[in-house]
Amino acid sequence: MDHYDVEAVVSVDGRGQVVLPKEVRVALGLEAGSKLAVVVMRQHGAPCCISLMPVGALENSVREVLNPSSQTKEV
């Protein structure tokens, strides 16, 4: 079953940057130059939450939504 964990609390600096803790970077296989997608969730039209995900994961999710018949099904 999928679930969500709070892995870290980070701060936003004066330039709007955040530092991901090493443990998070290692767990996700992120290196210098890795691309992350910023996904904003909205409630009642107002932004309330953000998620970060590796761009490759976002691309795969979009492909699944746009073309579900291309997914191979195991029997």
PDB file of N, CA and C in Angstrom:
ATOM      1  N   MET A   1       0.851  -1.176   0.000  1.00  0.00           N
ATOM      2  CA  MET A   1       0.000   0.000   0.000  1.00  0.00           C
ATOM      3  C   MET A   1       0.894   1.237   0.000  1.00  0.00           C
ATOM      4  N   ASP A   2       0.547   2.235  -0.820  1.00  0.00           N
ATOM      5  CA  ASP A   2       1.294   3.485  -0.857  1.00  0.00           C
ATOM      6  C   ASP A   2       1.001   4.302   0.383  1.00  0.00           C
ATOM      7  N   HIS A   3       2.004   5.046   0.810  1.00  0.00           N
ATOM      8  CA  HIS A   3       1.813   5.962   1.928  1.00  0.00           C
ATOM      9  C   HIS A   3       2.812   7.101   1.791  1.00  0.00           C
ATOM     10  N   TYR A   4       2.637   8.130   2.584  1.00  0.00           N
ATOM     11  CA  TYR A   4       3.484   9.306   2.541  1.00  0.00           C
ATOM     12  C   TYR A   4       4.187   9.469   3.879  1.00  0.00           C
ATOM     13  N   ASP A   5       5.453   9.857   3.831  1.00  0.00           N
ATOM     14  CA  ASP A   5       6.227  10.113   5.028  1.00  0.00           C
ATOM     15  C   ASP A   5       6.808  11.519   4.953  1.00  0.00           C
ATOM     16  N   VAL A   6       6.929  12.183   6.080  1.00  0.00           N
ATOM     17  CA  VAL A   6       7.663  13.442   6.138  1.00  0.00           C
ATOM     18  C   VAL A   6       9.124  13.052   6.316  1.00  0.00           C
ATOM     19  N   GLU A   7       9.913  13.278   5.286  1.00  0.00           N
ATOM     20  CA  GLU A   7      11.324  12.882   5.306  1.00  0.00           C
ATOM     21  C   GLU A   7      12.208  13.958   5.913  1.00  0.00           C
ATOM     22  N   ALA A   8      11.820  15.219   5.775  1.00  0.00           N
ATOM     23  CA  ALA A   8      12.657  16.309   6.271  1.00  0.00           C
ATOM     24  C   ALA A   8      11.844  17.589   6.276  1.00  0.00           C
ATOM     25  N   VAL A   9      12.326  18.551   7.022  1.00  0.00           N
ATOM     26  CA  VAL A   9      11.807  19.919   6.987  1.00  0.00           C
ATOM     27  C   VAL A   9      12.952  20.778   6.476  1.00  0.00           C
ATOM     28  N   VAL A  10      12.704  21.557   5.433  1.00  0.00           N
ATOM     29  CA  VAL A  10      13.742  22.386   4.832  1.00  0.00           C
ATOM     30  C   VAL A  10      13.322  23.844   4.871  1.00  0.00           C
ATOM     31  N   SER A  11      14.290  24.733   4.712  1.00  0.00           N
ATOM     32  CA  SER A  11      14.029  26.172   4.700  1.00  0.00           C
ATOM     33  C   SER A  11      14.226  26.721   3.296  1.00  0.00           C
ATOM     34  N   VAL A  12      13.511  27.777   2.990  1.00  0.00           N
ATOM     35  CA  VAL A  12      13.675  28.503   1.737  1.00  0.00           C
ATOM     36  C   VAL A  12      14.567  29.705   2.042  1.00  0.00           C
ATOM     37  N   ASP A  13      15.656  29.862   1.266  1.00  0.00           N
ATOM     38  CA  ASP A  13      16.534  30.997   1.533  1.00  0.00           C
ATOM     39  C   ASP A  13      16.063  32.241   0.780  1.00  0.00           C
ATOM     40  N   GLY A  14      16.815  33.304   0.896  1.00  0.00           N
ATOM     41  CA  GLY A  14      16.435  34.581   0.288  1.00  0.00           C
ATOM     42  C   GLY A  14      16.329  34.543  -1.220  1.00  0.00           C
ATOM     43  N   ARG A  15      16.984  33.577  -1.854  1.00  0.00           N
ATOM     44  CA  ARG A  15      16.900  33.443  -3.312  1.00  0.00           C
ATOM     45  C   ARG A  15      15.837  32.426  -3.724  1.00  0.00           C
ATOM     46  N   GLY A  16      15.091  31.897  -2.748  1.00  0.00           N
ATOM     47  CA  GLY A  16      14.046  30.928  -3.056  1.00  0.00           C
ATOM     48  C   GLY A  16      14.563  29.508  -3.196  1.00  0.00           C
ATOM     49  N   GLN A  17      15.768  29.242  -2.759  1.00  0.00           N
ATOM     50  CA  GLN A  17      16.357  27.928  -2.900  1.00  0.00           C
ATOM     51  C   GLN A  17      16.173  27.105  -1.631  1.00  0.00           C
ATOM     52  N   VAL A  18      16.111  25.799  -1.830  1.00  0.00           N
ATOM     53  CA  VAL A  18      16.064  24.861  -0.707  1.00  0.00           C
ATOM     54  C   VAL A  18      17.173  23.836  -0.915  1.00  0.00           C
ATOM     55  N   VAL A  19      17.627  23.241   0.163  1.00  0.00           N
ATOM     56  CA  VAL A  19      18.615  22.173   0.090  1.00  0.00           C
ATOM     57  C   VAL A  19      17.929  20.890   0.528  1.00  0.00           C
ATOM     58  N   LEU A  20      17.984  19.880  -0.333  1.00  0.00           N
ATOM     59  CA  LEU A  20      17.438  18.577   0.030  1.00  0.00           C
ATOM     60  C   LEU A  20      18.486  17.832   0.842  1.00  0.00           C
ATOM     61  N   PRO A  21      18.105  17.262   1.964  1.00  0.00           N
ATOM     62  CA  PRO A  21      19.073  16.518   2.771  1.00  0.00           C
ATOM     63  C   PRO A  21      19.694  15.375   1.981  1.00  0.00           C
ATOM     64  N   LYS A  22      20.938  15.062   2.324  1.00  0.00           N
ATOM     65  CA  LYS A  22      21.685  14.020   1.614  1.00  0.00           C
ATOM     66  C   LYS A  22      20.924  12.707   1.579  1.00  0.00           C
ATOM     67  N   GLU A  23      20.297  12.324   2.696  1.00  0.00           N
ATOM     68  CA  GLU A  23      19.578  11.047   2.748  1.00  0.00           C
ATOM     69  C   GLU A  23      18.464  10.997   1.696  1.00  0.00           C
ATOM     70  N   VAL A  24      17.794  12.119   1.477  1.00  0.00           N
ATOM     71  CA  VAL A  24      16.716  12.179   0.484  1.00  0.00           C
ATOM     72  C   VAL A  24      17.314  12.087  -0.919  1.00  0.00           C
ATOM     73  N   ARG A  25      18.386  12.846  -1.161  1.00  0.00           N
ATOM     74  CA  ARG A  25      19.037  12.806  -2.483  1.00  0.00           C
ATOM     75  C   ARG A  25      19.519  11.402  -2.816  1.00  0.00           C
ATOM     76  N   VAL A  26      20.145  10.746  -1.857  1.00  0.00           N
ATOM     77  CA  VAL A  26      20.657   9.392  -2.093  1.00  0.00           C
ATOM     78  C   VAL A  26      19.504   8.425  -2.354  1.00  0.00           C
ATOM     79  N   ALA A  27      18.457   8.496  -1.543  1.00  0.00           N
ATOM     80  CA  ALA A  27      17.317   7.587  -1.702  1.00  0.00           C
ATOM     81  C   ALA A  27      16.662   7.726  -3.076  1.00  0.00           C
ATOM     82  N   LEU A  28      16.646   8.951  -3.619  1.00  0.00           N
ATOM     83  CA  LEU A  28      16.021   9.196  -4.922  1.00  0.00           C
ATOM     84  C   LEU A  28      17.008   9.125  -6.079  1.00  0.00           C
ATOM     85  N   GLY A  29      18.279   8.919  -5.769  1.00  0.00           N
ATOM     86  CA  GLY A  29      19.282   8.858  -6.831  1.00  0.00           C
ATOM     87  C   GLY A  29      19.530  10.204  -7.482  1.00  0.00           C
ATOM     88  N   LEU A  30      19.376  11.289  -6.739  1.00  0.00           N
ATOM     89  CA  LEU A  30      19.565  12.629  -7.285  1.00  0.00           C
ATOM     90  C   LEU A  30      21.026  13.032  -7.192  1.00  0.00           C
ATOM     91  N   GLU A  31      21.502  13.650  -8.262  1.00  0.00           N
ATOM     92  CA  GLU A  31      22.862  14.155  -8.314  1.00  0.00           C
ATOM     93  C   GLU A  31      22.804  15.608  -8.758  1.00  0.00           C
ATOM     94  N   ALA A  32      23.936  16.298  -8.685  1.00  0.00           N
ATOM     95  CA  ALA A  32      23.992  17.676  -9.177  1.00  0.00           C
ATOM     96  C   ALA A  32      23.493  17.704 -10.617  1.00  0.00           C
ATOM     97  N   GLY A  33      22.586  18.593 -10.917  1.00  0.00           N
ATOM     98  CA  GLY A  33      22.024  18.707 -12.258  1.00  0.00           C
ATOM     99  C   GLY A  33      20.761  17.893 -12.484  1.00  0.00           C
ATOM    100  N   SER A  34      20.381  17.053 -11.517  1.00  0.00           N
ATOM    101  CA  SER A  34      19.129  16.293 -11.655  1.00  0.00           C
ATOM    102  C   SER A  34      17.956  17.266 -11.744  1.00  0.00           C
ATOM    103  N   LYS A  35      16.970  16.930 -12.536  1.00  0.00           N
ATOM    104  CA  LYS A  35      15.790  17.780 -12.716  1.00  0.00           C
ATOM    105  C   LYS A  35      14.642  17.268 -11.861  1.00  0.00           C
ATOM    106  N   LEU A  36      13.984  18.191 -11.164  1.00  0.00           N
ATOM    107  CA  LEU A  36      12.800  17.883 -10.366  1.00  0.00           C
ATOM    108  C   LEU A  36      11.626  18.686 -10.895  1.00  0.00           C
ATOM    109  N   ALA A  37      10.471  18.062 -10.949  1.00  0.00           N
ATOM    110  CA  ALA A  37       9.234  18.767 -11.296  1.00  0.00           C
ATOM    111  C   ALA A  37       8.591  19.242 -10.000  1.00  0.00           C
ATOM    112  N   VAL A  38       8.111  20.484 -10.007  1.00  0.00           N
ATOM    113  CA  VAL A  38       7.387  21.046  -8.870  1.00  0.00           C
ATOM    114  C   VAL A  38       5.900  20.934  -9.207  1.00  0.00           C
ATOM    115  N   VAL A  39       5.179  20.137  -8.422  1.00  0.00           N
ATOM    116  CA  VAL A  39       3.754  19.906  -8.652  1.00  0.00           C
ATOM    117  C   VAL A  39       2.985  20.614  -7.539  1.00  0.00           C
ATOM    118  N   VAL A  40       2.083  21.514  -7.923  1.00  0.00           N
ATOM    119  CA  VAL A  40       1.323  22.296  -6.949  1.00  0.00           C
ATOM    120  C   VAL A  40      -0.098  21.753  -6.870  1.00  0.00           C
ATOM    121  N   MET A  41      -0.530  21.418  -5.667  1.00  0.00           N
ATOM    122  CA  MET A  41      -1.910  20.978  -5.444  1.00  0.00           C
ATOM    123  C   MET A  41      -2.720  22.197  -5.027  1.00  0.00           C
ATOM    124  N   ARG A  42      -3.932  22.262  -5.487  1.00  0.00           N
ATOM    125  CA  ARG A  42      -4.812  23.387  -5.162  1.00  0.00           C
ATOM    126  C   ARG A  42      -6.073  22.881  -4.477  1.00  0.00           C
ATOM    127  N   GLN A  43      -6.512  23.623  -3.510  1.00  0.00           N
ATOM    128  CA  GLN A  43      -7.792  23.365  -2.855  1.00  0.00           C
ATOM    129  C   GLN A  43      -8.617  24.626  -2.972  1.00  0.00           C
ATOM    130  N   HIS A  44      -9.807  24.484  -3.524  1.00  0.00           N
ATOM    131  CA  HIS A  44     -10.705  25.624  -3.728  1.00  0.00           C
ATOM    132  C   HIS A  44     -10.018  26.722  -4.531  1.00  0.00           C
ATOM    133  N   GLY A  45      -9.185  26.318  -5.494  1.00  0.00           N
ATOM    134  CA  GLY A  45      -8.519  27.253  -6.386  1.00  0.00           C
ATOM    135  C   GLY A  45      -7.246  27.886  -5.853  1.00  0.00           C
ATOM    136  N   ALA A  46      -6.930  27.677  -4.584  1.00  0.00           N
ATOM    137  CA  ALA A  46      -5.739  28.293  -4.001  1.00  0.00           C
ATOM    138  C   ALA A  46      -4.643  27.247  -3.805  1.00  0.00           C
ATOM    139  N   PRO A  47      -3.397  27.588  -4.125  1.00  0.00           N
ATOM    140  CA  PRO A  47      -2.319  26.635  -3.908  1.00  0.00           C
ATOM    141  C   PRO A  47      -2.148  26.339  -2.425  1.00  0.00           C
ATOM    142  N   CYS A  48      -1.977  25.069  -2.095  1.00  0.00           N
ATOM    143  CA  CYS A  48      -1.840  24.711  -0.680  1.00  0.00           C
ATOM    144  C   CYS A  48      -0.653  23.815  -0.417  1.00  0.00           C
ATOM    145  N   CYS A  49      -0.256  23.003  -1.396  1.00  0.00           N
ATOM    146  CA  CYS A  49       0.783  22.005  -1.161  1.00  0.00           C
ATOM    147  C   CYS A  49       1.640  21.859  -2.408  1.00  0.00           C
ATOM    148  N   ILE A  50       2.911  21.507  -2.202  1.00  0.00           N
ATOM    149  CA  ILE A  50       3.773  21.200  -3.339  1.00  0.00           C
ATOM    150  C   ILE A  50       4.407  19.830  -3.136  1.00  0.00           C
ATOM    151  N   SER A  51       4.675  19.195  -4.249  1.00  0.00           N
ATOM    152  CA  SER A  51       5.415  17.935  -4.256  1.00  0.00           C
ATOM    153  C   SER A  51       6.558  18.100  -5.241  1.00  0.00           C
ATOM    154  N   LEU A  52       7.668  17.453  -4.956  1.00  0.00           N
ATOM    155  CA  LEU A  52       8.794  17.406  -5.881  1.00  0.00           C
ATOM    156  C   LEU A  52       8.937  15.978  -6.343  1.00  0.00           C
ATOM    157  N   MET A  53       9.166  15.797  -7.639  1.00  0.00           N
ATOM    158  CA  MET A  53       9.403  14.446  -8.141  1.00  0.00           C
ATOM    159  C   MET A  53      10.395  14.509  -9.283  1.00  0.00           C
ATOM    160  N   PRO A  54      11.213  13.468  -9.396  1.00  0.00           N
ATOM    161  CA  PRO A  54      12.133  13.429 -10.528  1.00  0.00           C
ATOM    162  C   PRO A  54      11.343  13.541 -11.833  1.00  0.00           C
ATOM    163  N   VAL A  55      11.875  14.310 -12.777  1.00  0.00           N
ATOM    164  CA  VAL A  55      11.178  14.549 -14.037  1.00  0.00           C
ATOM    165  C   VAL A  55      10.819  13.244 -14.735  1.00  0.00           C
ATOM    166  N   GLY A  56      11.683  12.248 -14.685  1.00  0.00           N
ATOM    167  CA  GLY A  56      11.392  10.960 -15.322  1.00  0.00           C
ATOM    168  C   GLY A  56      10.147  10.313 -14.760  1.00  0.00           C
ATOM    169  N   ALA A  57       9.930  10.440 -13.446  1.00  0.00           N
ATOM    170  CA  ALA A  57       8.728   9.870 -12.825  1.00  0.00           C
ATOM    171  C   ALA A  57       7.485  10.600 -13.315  1.00  0.00           C
ATOM    172  N   LEU A  58       7.585  11.904 -13.476  1.00  0.00           N
ATOM    173  CA  LEU A  58       6.450  12.686 -13.978  1.00  0.00           C
ATOM    174  C   LEU A  58       6.144  12.302 -15.423  1.00  0.00           C
ATOM    175  N   GLU A  59       7.191  12.166 -16.237  1.00  0.00           N
ATOM    176  CA  GLU A  59       6.985  11.768 -17.633  1.00  0.00           C
ATOM    177  C   GLU A  59       6.274  10.428 -17.720  1.00  0.00           C
ATOM    178  N   ASN A  60       6.689   9.467 -16.897  1.00  0.00           N
ATOM    179  CA  ASN A  60       6.051   8.143 -16.910  1.00  0.00           C
ATOM    180  C   ASN A  60       4.600   8.239 -16.474  1.00  0.00           C
ATOM    181  N   SER A  61       4.293   9.064 -15.467  1.00  0.00           N
ATOM    182  CA  SER A  61       2.917   9.223 -15.000  1.00  0.00           C
ATOM    183  C   SER A  61       2.044   9.824 -16.088  1.00  0.00           C
ATOM    184  N   VAL A  62       2.561  10.818 -16.786  1.00  0.00           N
ATOM    185  CA  VAL A  62       1.796  11.455 -17.862  1.00  0.00           C
ATOM    186  C   VAL A  62       1.541  10.456 -18.985  1.00  0.00           C
ATOM    187  N   ARG A  63       2.543   9.679 -19.323  1.00  0.00           N
ATOM    188  CA  ARG A  63       2.357   8.670 -20.374  1.00  0.00           C
ATOM    189  C   ARG A  63       1.265   7.677 -19.998  1.00  0.00           C
ATOM    190  N   GLU A  64       1.240   7.255 -18.736  1.00  0.00           N
ATOM    191  CA  GLU A  64       0.225   6.300 -18.287  1.00  0.00           C
ATOM    192  C   GLU A  64      -1.174   6.891 -18.395  1.00  0.00           C
ATOM    193  N   VAL A  65      -1.320   8.170 -18.076  1.00  0.00           N
ATOM    194  CA  VAL A  65      -2.632   8.820 -18.142  1.00  0.00           C
ATOM    195  C   VAL A  65      -3.064   9.029 -19.585  1.00  0.00           C
ATOM    196  N   LEU A  66      -2.128   9.488 -20.423  1.00  0.00           N
ATOM    197  CA  LEU A  66      -2.480   9.806 -21.803  1.00  0.00           C
ATOM    198  C   LEU A  66      -2.628   8.580 -22.689  1.00  0.00           C
ATOM    199  N   ASN A  67      -1.935   7.503 -22.360  1.00  0.00           N
ATOM    200  CA  ASN A  67      -1.978   6.341 -23.210  1.00  0.00           C
ATOM    201  C   ASN A  67      -1.984   5.057 -22.381  1.00  0.00           C
ATOM    202  N   PRO A  68      -3.059   4.829 -21.614  1.00  0.00           N
ATOM    203  CA  PRO A  68      -3.088   3.654 -20.739  1.00  0.00           C
ATOM    204  C   PRO A  68      -3.048   2.332 -21.495  1.00  0.00           C
ATOM    205  N   SER A  69      -3.483   2.309 -22.739  1.00  0.00           N
ATOM    206  CA  SER A  69      -3.489   1.054 -23.494  1.00  0.00           C
ATOM    207  C   SER A  69      -2.088   0.603 -23.862  1.00  0.00           C
ATOM    208  N   SER A  70      -1.099   1.506 -23.760  1.00  0.00           N
ATOM    209  CA  SER A  70       0.267   1.119 -24.114  1.00  0.00           C
ATOM    210  C   SER A  70       0.963   0.394 -22.980  1.00  0.00           C
ATOM    211  N   GLN A  71       0.347   0.361 -21.818  1.00  0.00           N
ATOM    212  CA  GLN A  71       0.959  -0.304 -20.672  1.00  0.00           C
ATOM    213  C   GLN A  71       0.815  -1.812 -20.833  1.00  0.00           C
ATOM    214  N   THR A  72       1.881  -2.512 -20.539  1.00  0.00           N
ATOM    215  CA  THR A  72       1.815  -3.973 -20.642  1.00  0.00           C
ATOM    216  C   THR A  72       1.157  -4.520 -19.387  1.00  0.00           C
ATOM    217  N   LYS A  73       0.317  -5.483 -19.573  1.00  0.00           N
ATOM    218  CA  LYS A  73      -0.385  -6.102 -18.451  1.00  0.00           C
ATOM    219  C   LYS A  73       0.139  -7.510 -18.269  1.00  0.00           C
ATOM    220  N   GLU A  74       0.500  -7.819 -17.032  1.00  0.00           N
ATOM    221  CA  GLU A  74       0.953  -9.164 -16.735  1.00  0.00           C
ATOM    222  C   GLU A  74      -0.235 -10.012 -16.341  1.00  0.00           C
ATOM    223  N   VAL A  75      -0.213 -11.254 -16.790  1.00  0.00           N
ATOM    224  CA  VAL A  75      -1.319 -12.163 -16.501  1.00  0.00           C
ATOM    225  C   VAL A  75      -0.862 -13.198 -15.508  1.00  0.00           C
TER     226      VAL A  75
END
